[in-house]
Amino acid sequence: MSAPRPICPIPIIWKSHWSAKHRKTIDQSYAKSLFLAQYSDLLDEIYGYQDALLADFTCRTTELIARCLGIHHTKFLRSSNLPCHGEQTDRLISILKHLNAKHYISGPSAKAYIEEKISSSRDSA
């Protein structure tokens, strides 16, 4: 298994026209949906930019969707801009400590990258 690769330096290849294909798939899949028209402008905005890097596209899309859902007072941060260290669980713990986090909530997919036994023993560190 290869080491985790950060998405910060990964470029988006726009010449493949993947975004137009992706948008068309969404339109076709949700054509009979009651809410496709309501979110059409948001989708246009998401796919209208041509960010150079995957991280920029992902972060911008996440923030646009959050604002659309009424999440206006949440501050979004990039871990790459924080003075944190380590890989996977160690990095997560470093980020949480840097931010003085009291709680961390994650979904079931996080089991793939969070070492629960290790993180529990690090709580007091």
Protein backbone atom coordinates (compact mmCIF):
# COMPACT_ATOMS: atom_id res chain seq x y z
CA MET A 1 0.00 0.00 0.00
CA SER A 2 1.37 3.38 -0.94
CA ALA A 3 1.61 6.30 1.45
CA PRO A 4 -1.36 8.71 1.56
CA ARG A 5 -0.98 11.47 -1.01
CA PRO A 6 -2.19 14.97 -0.13
CA ILE A 7 -4.58 16.53 -2.62
CA CYS A 8 -2.97 19.99 -2.35
CA PRO A 9 -0.63 19.59 -5.35
CA ILE A 10 -2.92 17.47 -7.57
CA PRO A 11 -3.86 19.38 -10.72
CA ILE A 12 -7.23 19.14 -12.45
CA ILE A 13 -7.06 18.16 -16.11
CA TRP A 14 -9.73 20.36 -17.68
CA LYS A 15 -9.04 19.43 -21.29
CA SER A 16 -10.79 16.08 -20.76
CA HIS A 17 -14.11 17.96 -20.35
CA TRP A 18 -14.99 15.83 -17.33
CA SER A 19 -16.94 18.65 -15.66
CA ALA A 20 -19.39 19.03 -18.57
CA LYS A 21 -19.92 15.26 -18.60
CA HIS A 22 -20.39 15.20 -14.84
CA ARG A 23 -22.88 18.06 -14.93
CA LYS A 24 -24.82 16.41 -17.76
CA THR A 25 -24.99 13.18 -15.72
CA ILE A 26 -26.42 15.09 -12.76
CA ASP A 27 -29.01 16.77 -14.99
CA GLN A 28 -30.03 13.45 -16.54
CA SER A 29 -30.12 11.57 -13.24
CA TYR A 30 -32.19 14.21 -11.45
CA ALA A 31 -34.28 15.46 -14.39
CA LYS A 32 -37.54 14.40 -12.70
CA SER A 33 -36.47 15.65 -9.28
CA LEU A 34 -38.47 18.45 -7.69
CA PHE A 35 -35.34 20.36 -6.72
CA LEU A 36 -32.98 20.21 -9.70
CA ALA A 37 -34.06 23.63 -10.95
CA GLN A 38 -33.59 25.11 -7.48
CA TYR A 39 -29.94 24.04 -7.43
CA SER A 40 -29.14 24.65 -11.09
CA ASP A 41 -27.43 28.00 -10.39
CA LEU A 42 -25.33 26.40 -7.66
CA LEU A 43 -24.27 23.63 -10.02
CA ASP A 44 -23.44 26.22 -12.69
CA GLU A 45 -21.27 28.03 -10.17
CA ILE A 46 -19.54 24.84 -9.03
CA TYR A 47 -18.75 23.70 -12.56
CA GLY A 48 -18.21 27.20 -13.93
CA TYR A 49 -14.81 27.71 -12.33
CA GLN A 50 -11.74 25.97 -13.59
CA ASP A 51 -9.60 25.74 -10.49
CA ALA A 52 -6.06 24.63 -11.23
CA LEU A 53 -5.87 22.29 -8.24
CA LEU A 54 -8.19 19.59 -6.90
CA ALA A 55 -7.93 20.99 -3.36
CA ASP A 56 -9.12 24.42 -4.52
CA PHE A 57 -12.07 22.89 -6.38
CA THR A 58 -13.01 20.67 -3.43
CA CYS A 59 -12.75 23.41 -0.81
CA ARG A 60 -14.66 25.95 -2.90
CA THR A 61 -17.40 23.41 -3.66
CA THR A 62 -17.73 22.43 0.01
CA GLU A 63 -18.07 26.06 1.08
CA LEU A 64 -20.62 26.85 -1.66
CA ILE A 65 -22.77 23.87 -0.64
CA ALA A 66 -22.48 24.79 3.04
CA ARG A 67 -23.66 28.35 2.35
CA CYS A 68 -26.52 26.99 0.23
CA LEU A 69 -27.55 24.83 3.20
CA GLY A 70 -27.63 27.88 5.46
CA ILE A 71 -24.27 27.30 7.15
CA HIS A 72 -22.97 30.86 7.25
CA HIS A 73 -21.01 31.22 10.48
CA THR A 74 -18.69 28.24 10.17
CA LYS A 75 -15.06 29.02 9.49
CA PHE A 76 -13.46 26.63 7.01
CA LEU A 77 -9.74 25.93 7.34
CA ARG A 78 -7.28 24.00 5.24
CA SER A 79 -5.13 21.64 7.23
CA SER A 80 -2.27 22.41 4.82
CA ASN A 81 -2.28 25.97 6.19
CA LEU A 82 -1.99 24.85 9.81
CA PRO A 83 1.31 24.22 11.62
CA CYS A 84 0.46 20.56 12.21
CA HIS A 85 2.50 17.42 11.68
CA GLY A 86 2.21 13.69 11.27
CA GLU A 87 0.22 11.38 9.05
CA GLN A 88 -3.36 10.16 9.33
CA THR A 89 -4.35 9.82 13.01
CA ASP A 90 -1.29 11.69 14.30
CA ARG A 91 -2.01 14.59 11.95
CA LEU A 92 -5.67 14.63 12.93
CA ILE A 93 -4.76 14.74 16.61
CA SER A 94 -2.24 17.52 15.91
CA ILE A 95 -4.92 19.55 14.10
CA LEU A 96 -7.47 19.03 16.88
CA LYS A 97 -4.96 20.10 19.52
CA HIS A 98 -3.93 23.16 17.49
CA LEU A 99 -7.58 24.22 17.24
CA ASN A 100 -8.27 23.42 20.92
CA ALA A 101 -11.08 21.11 19.80
CA LYS A 102 -13.26 19.66 22.54
CA HIS A 103 -15.08 17.19 20.26
CA TYR A 104 -14.48 15.38 16.99
CA ILE A 105 -17.34 13.80 15.08
CA SER A 106 -16.83 11.58 12.08
CA GLY A 107 -18.86 9.17 10.02
CA PRO A 108 -18.34 5.44 9.50
CA SER A 109 -16.01 6.02 6.53
CA ALA A 110 -13.42 7.45 8.92
CA LYS A 111 -12.67 3.96 10.20
CA ALA A 112 -10.47 3.57 7.15
CA TYR A 113 -8.04 6.22 8.39
CA ILE A 114 -8.55 6.71 12.14
CA GLU A 115 -6.69 4.36 14.42
CA GLU A 116 -9.27 4.33 17.23
CA LYS A 117 -7.19 2.46 19.81
CA ILE A 118 -4.23 4.74 19.25
CA SER A 119 -6.27 7.95 19.28
CA SER A 120 -7.95 6.92 22.55
CA SER A 121 -4.60 6.45 24.23
CA ARG A 122 -3.40 9.82 22.92
CA ASP A 123 -6.30 11.75 24.43
CA SER A 124 -4.31 12.54 27.52
CA ALA A 125 -1.08 13.40 25.68
